[in-house]
N, C-alpha and C. Protein backbone atom coordinates (compact mmCIF):
# COMPACT_ATOMS: atom_id res chain seq x y z
N UNK A 1 0.52 -1.02 0.16
CA UNK A 1 0.33 -0.08 0.49
C UNK A 1 0.66 0.97 -0.28
N UNK A 2 1.10 1.86 -0.12
CA UNK A 2 1.18 3.28 -1.20
C UNK A 2 0.24 4.58 -0.72
N UNK A 3 0.99 5.36 0.95
CA UNK A 3 0.12 6.29 1.09
C UNK A 3 1.38 7.83 1.39
N UNK A 4 0.72 8.90 1.30
CA UNK A 4 1.62 10.24 1.27
C UNK A 4 2.35 10.48 3.20
N UNK A 5 2.93 11.18 3.04
CA UNK A 5 3.84 11.73 4.43
C UNK A 5 2.52 12.49 4.93
N UNK A 6 2.72 12.88 6.21
CA UNK A 6 2.22 13.55 6.59
C UNK A 6 2.83 14.69 8.20
N UNK A 7 3.49 15.47 8.62
CA UNK A 7 4.22 16.16 9.50
C UNK A 7 3.36 16.12 10.54
N UNK A 8 4.39 15.77 11.61
CA UNK A 8 3.69 15.82 12.80
C UNK A 8 2.97 16.85 13.83
N UNK A 9 3.44 18.64 13.35
CA UNK A 9 2.57 19.58 13.02
C UNK A 9 1.11 19.04 12.43
N UNK A 10 0.82 19.02 11.50
CA UNK A 10 0.03 18.55 10.55
C UNK A 10 -1.19 18.04 11.45
N UNK A 11 0.00 16.27 11.88
CA UNK A 11 -0.75 16.11 12.82
C UNK A 11 -1.40 15.85 14.12
N UNK A 12 -0.73 17.09 14.75
CA UNK A 12 -1.33 16.70 16.05
C UNK A 12 -2.32 18.44 15.81
N UNK A 13 -2.76 18.69 14.40
CA UNK A 13 -3.42 19.68 14.19
C UNK A 13 -5.24 19.23 13.90
N UNK A 14 -4.20 17.55 13.38
CA UNK A 14 -5.89 17.27 13.12
C UNK A 14 -6.44 16.55 14.25
N UNK A 15 -5.58 15.97 14.91
CA UNK A 15 -5.74 15.35 16.52
C UNK A 15 -6.72 16.13 17.27
N UNK A 16 -6.31 17.24 17.08
CA UNK A 16 -6.52 18.65 18.12
C UNK A 16 -8.32 19.06 17.53
N UNK A 17 -8.52 18.81 15.81
CA UNK A 17 -9.95 18.70 15.21
C UNK A 17 -10.60 18.17 15.33
N UNK A 18 -10.14 16.62 15.82
CA UNK A 18 -10.85 15.47 16.16
C UNK A 18 -10.86 14.83 14.70
N UNK A 19 -9.76 15.37 13.79
CA UNK A 19 -10.33 14.82 12.37
C UNK A 19 -8.91 12.75 12.02
N UNK A 20 -8.55 13.30 13.45
CA UNK A 20 -8.00 11.60 13.28
C UNK A 20 -8.83 9.78 14.72
N UNK A 21 -8.50 8.89 12.79
CA UNK A 21 -9.59 8.17 14.10
C UNK A 21 -8.36 6.99 15.05
N UNK A 22 -7.80 6.70 14.36
CA UNK A 22 -6.42 6.03 14.61
C UNK A 22 -4.79 6.30 14.61
N UNK A 23 -4.16 6.04 15.36
CA UNK A 23 -2.83 5.97 15.01
C UNK A 23 -2.33 4.18 15.35
N UNK A 24 -1.64 3.98 14.80
CA UNK A 24 -1.48 2.32 14.61
C UNK A 24 0.35 2.30 14.19
N UNK A 25 0.83 1.40 14.84
CA UNK A 25 1.96 1.01 14.59
C UNK A 25 1.82 0.00 13.11
N UNK A 26 2.88 0.59 11.75
CA UNK A 26 3.06 -0.73 10.53
C UNK A 26 4.33 -1.01 10.81
N UNK A 27 4.47 -2.22 9.90
CA UNK A 27 5.50 -2.62 9.32
C UNK A 27 5.98 -2.29 7.97
N UNK A 28 7.01 -1.67 7.67
CA UNK A 28 7.20 -0.80 6.37
C UNK A 28 7.99 -2.17 5.51
N UNK A 29 6.97 -2.29 4.37
CA UNK A 29 7.40 -3.26 3.65
C UNK A 29 9.46 -3.51 3.25
N UNK A 30 9.24 -2.12 3.12
CA UNK A 30 11.22 -2.59 2.43
C UNK A 30 12.22 -2.43 3.15
N UNK A 31 12.22 -2.78 5.19
CA UNK A 31 12.55 -2.28 5.65
C UNK A 31 12.15 -3.55 7.17
N UNK A 32 12.99 -3.72 7.78
CA UNK A 32 12.49 -3.90 9.49
C UNK A 32 11.89 -2.78 10.17
N UNK A 33 11.87 -1.80 9.06
CA UNK A 33 11.69 -0.86 10.60
C UNK A 33 10.04 -1.21 10.47
N UNK A 34 9.48 -0.07 11.55
CA UNK A 34 7.46 0.12 12.07
C UNK A 34 7.93 1.73 11.16
N UNK A 35 6.83 1.94 11.24
CA UNK A 35 6.15 4.04 11.18
C UNK A 35 4.68 3.84 12.02
N UNK A 36 4.22 5.19 11.87
CA UNK A 36 3.01 5.14 12.50
C UNK A 36 2.14 6.02 11.44
N UNK A 37 1.56 4.80 11.10
CA UNK A 37 -0.20 5.42 10.06
C UNK A 37 -0.68 5.99 10.99
N UNK A 38 -1.12 7.06 10.13
CA UNK A 38 -2.16 8.00 11.19
C UNK A 38 -3.77 7.98 10.14
N UNK A 39 -4.28 6.99 10.71
CA UNK A 39 -6.28 6.86 9.53
C UNK A 39 -6.95 7.99 10.15
N UNK A 40 -7.18 9.05 9.59
CA UNK A 40 -8.23 10.60 9.83
C UNK A 40 -9.40 9.75 8.80
N UNK A 41 -10.34 11.50 9.38
CA UNK A 41 -11.43 11.36 7.85
C UNK A 41 -10.57 11.84 6.93
N UNK A 42 -11.02 10.75 5.81
CA UNK A 42 -10.89 10.84 4.82
C UNK A 42 -9.27 10.87 3.95
N UNK A 43 -8.43 10.62 5.22
CA UNK A 43 -6.49 10.33 4.68
C UNK A 43 -6.63 9.14 5.36
N UNK A 44 -5.17 9.27 4.97
CA UNK A 44 -4.79 8.00 5.37
C UNK A 44 -2.92 8.27 4.94
N UNK A 45 -2.21 8.67 6.18
CA UNK A 45 -0.75 8.96 6.13
C UNK A 45 0.23 8.29 6.81
N UNK A 46 1.53 8.64 6.70
CA UNK A 46 2.51 7.86 7.37
C UNK A 46 3.07 9.20 7.97
N UNK A 47 3.27 9.10 9.13
CA UNK A 47 4.40 10.33 10.31
C UNK A 47 5.56 10.98 9.38
N UNK A 48 5.66 11.95 8.71
CA UNK A 48 7.12 12.50 7.92
C UNK A 48 8.13 12.36 9.33
N UNK A 49 9.58 12.16 8.86
CA UNK A 49 10.55 12.41 10.03
C UNK A 49 10.78 14.16 9.56
N UNK A 50 11.04 13.92 10.73
CA UNK A 50 12.05 16.22 10.71
C UNK A 50 12.85 16.37 10.35
N UNK A 51 13.34 17.38 9.57
CA UNK A 51 14.72 18.02 9.14
C UNK A 51 15.24 18.40 9.95
N UNK A 52 16.23 18.75 10.82
CA UNK A 52 16.51 19.38 12.17
C UNK A 52 17.64 20.28 11.09
N UNK A 53 17.20 21.32 10.91
CA UNK A 53 18.00 22.77 10.52
C UNK A 53 18.56 23.15 11.66
N UNK A 54 19.42 23.04 12.77
CA UNK A 54 19.67 23.44 13.78
C UNK A 54 21.13 23.92 14.06
N UNK A 55 22.37 22.85 12.69
CA UNK A 55 23.20 23.23 12.67
C UNK A 55 23.38 23.35 10.87
N UNK A 56 23.28 24.53 10.32
CA UNK A 56 23.59 24.48 9.29
C UNK A 56 24.83 24.62 8.23
N UNK A 57 25.65 24.73 8.29
CA UNK A 57 26.56 24.80 8.33
C UNK A 57 27.17 23.39 8.04
N UNK A 58 26.37 22.06 8.87
CA UNK A 58 27.16 20.68 9.05
C UNK A 58 26.47 20.38 7.54
N UNK A 59 27.38 19.20 6.98
CA UNK A 59 27.87 18.91 5.57
C UNK A 59 27.12 17.09 5.96
N UNK A 60 25.81 17.88 5.04
CA UNK A 60 25.09 16.22 4.62
C UNK A 60 24.94 15.58 3.61
N UNK A 61 24.63 14.57 3.44
CA UNK A 61 24.14 13.97 1.92
C UNK A 61 22.75 14.68 1.29
N UNK A 62 22.83 15.04 0.01
CA UNK A 62 21.52 15.41 -0.13
C UNK A 62 20.14 15.05 0.00
N UNK A 63 20.42 13.17 0.12
CA UNK A 63 19.20 12.55 0.29
C UNK A 63 19.00 13.03 1.84
N UNK A 64 18.93 13.56 3.05
CA UNK A 64 18.70 13.61 4.14
C UNK A 64 17.83 14.71 3.99
N UNK A 65 17.64 15.56 2.94
CA UNK A 65 16.82 16.69 3.69
C UNK A 65 14.69 16.18 2.31
N UNK A 66 15.46 14.88 1.78
CA UNK A 66 14.04 14.62 1.64
C UNK A 66 13.00 13.46 2.14
N UNK A 67 11.68 13.59 2.00
CA UNK A 67 10.93 13.54 2.75
C UNK A 67 10.91 12.05 3.09
N UNK A 68 10.95 11.64 4.06
CA UNK A 68 10.43 9.66 4.57
C UNK A 68 9.89 10.14 5.49
N UNK A 69 9.62 8.81 5.96
CA UNK A 69 8.45 8.51 7.55
C UNK A 69 9.71 8.36 8.38
N UNK A 70 8.91 8.33 9.63
CA UNK A 70 9.53 8.41 10.44
C UNK A 70 9.77 7.40 11.05
N UNK A 71 10.94 6.42 11.53
CA UNK A 71 11.10 4.83 11.27
C UNK A 71 11.30 4.86 12.72
N UNK A 72 11.21 3.64 13.40
CA UNK A 72 11.12 3.38 14.72
C UNK A 72 11.96 1.32 14.31
N UNK A 73 12.42 1.40 15.38
CA UNK A 73 13.30 -0.63 15.44
C UNK A 73 12.63 -1.56 15.75
N UNK A 74 11.04 -1.08 16.47
CA UNK A 74 9.80 -1.54 16.60
C UNK A 74 8.60 -1.51 17.27
N UNK A 75 8.04 -2.75 17.09
CA UNK A 75 6.32 -2.02 17.51
C UNK A 75 6.01 -0.81 18.37
N UNK A 76 6.88 -1.66 19.93
CA UNK A 76 6.30 -0.91 20.96
C UNK A 76 7.32 0.34 20.86
N UNK A 77 8.69 0.53 20.27
CA UNK A 77 9.16 1.93 20.38
C UNK A 77 8.34 3.04 19.28
N UNK A 78 7.24 2.31 18.59
CA UNK A 78 6.63 3.15 17.83
C UNK A 78 5.39 3.58 18.68
N UNK A 79 4.81 3.10 19.17
CA UNK A 79 3.62 3.34 19.97
C UNK A 79 4.38 4.21 21.18
N UNK A 80 5.20 3.99 21.67
CA UNK A 80 6.01 5.18 22.76
C UNK A 80 6.18 6.21 22.70
N UNK A 81 7.08 6.26 21.12
CA UNK A 81 6.92 7.66 20.35
C UNK A 81 4.98 8.29 20.29
N UNK A 82 4.79 7.58 19.76
CA UNK A 82 3.50 8.36 19.70
C UNK A 82 2.69 8.68 20.68
N UNK A 83 3.05 7.98 22.40
CA UNK A 83 2.63 8.61 23.11
C UNK A 83 2.94 9.47 23.50
N UNK A 84 4.50 9.32 23.25
CA UNK A 84 5.18 11.14 23.94
C UNK A 84 4.79 12.22 23.33
N UNK A 85 4.72 12.19 22.26
CA UNK A 85 4.19 13.87 21.46
C UNK A 85 2.57 13.42 21.31
N UNK A 86 1.80 13.50 22.38
CA UNK A 86 0.37 12.89 22.01
C UNK A 86 -0.42 12.26 20.91
N UNK A 87 -0.10 11.95 20.34
CA UNK A 87 -0.54 10.99 19.30
C UNK A 87 -2.27 10.15 19.74
N UNK A 88 -1.47 9.40 20.64
CA UNK A 88 -2.23 8.40 21.19
C UNK A 88 -2.43 8.67 22.53
N UNK A 89 -3.23 8.42 22.46
CA UNK A 89 -3.55 8.56 25.08
C UNK A 89 -2.57 7.28 25.57
N UNK A 90 -2.35 7.83 26.96
CA UNK A 90 -1.13 7.44 27.46
C UNK A 90 -1.71 6.30 28.05
N UNK A 91 -1.33 5.50 28.72
CA UNK A 91 -1.80 4.65 29.57
C UNK A 91 -2.05 5.51 30.81
N UNK A 92 -2.66 4.60 31.43
CA UNK A 92 -2.94 5.54 32.30
C UNK A 92 -3.50 4.59 33.65
N UNK A 93 -3.58 3.26 33.81
CA UNK A 93 -3.92 2.25 34.57
C UNK A 93 -2.48 0.87 34.26
N UNK A 94 -1.92 0.43 35.54
CA UNK A 94 -1.33 -0.28 35.24
C UNK A 94 -1.74 -1.58 36.23
N UNK A 95 -1.37 -2.80 35.94
CA UNK A 95 -1.79 -4.06 36.78
C UNK A 95 -0.99 -4.58 37.46
N UNK A 96 -0.71 -4.74 38.81
CA UNK A 96 0.06 -4.77 39.51
C UNK A 96 -0.28 -6.61 40.33
N UNK A 97 0.55 -7.26 40.72
CA UNK A 97 0.62 -8.82 41.46
C UNK A 97 -0.18 -8.09 42.35
N UNK A 98 -0.74 -9.16 43.80
CA UNK A 98 -0.97 -8.88 45.18
C UNK A 98 -0.25 -9.47 45.32
N UNK A 99 -0.01 -9.33 46.61
CA UNK A 99 1.75 -9.78 47.22
C UNK A 99 1.75 -10.11 48.91
């Protein structure tokens, strides 16, 4: 399946306006990495990786500024990242063993 990219600010704005239905981790086809798929009302997008311009004199390859999806090494890392930027709800309760 081919989908377009959506930047983090756009994803957070869409979530704030109630346009996001779900955010789920998804395995990318061409690598072993995972990405975040954002399903909304009338759109399906992958979360885009942000390009850091903090050091303009830093030499980077030309491909570093091309749009690409934000990737994670595992499903749990993708979920944790989505929770940290408030795209999904955080876990509020944990089960403990009575002892």
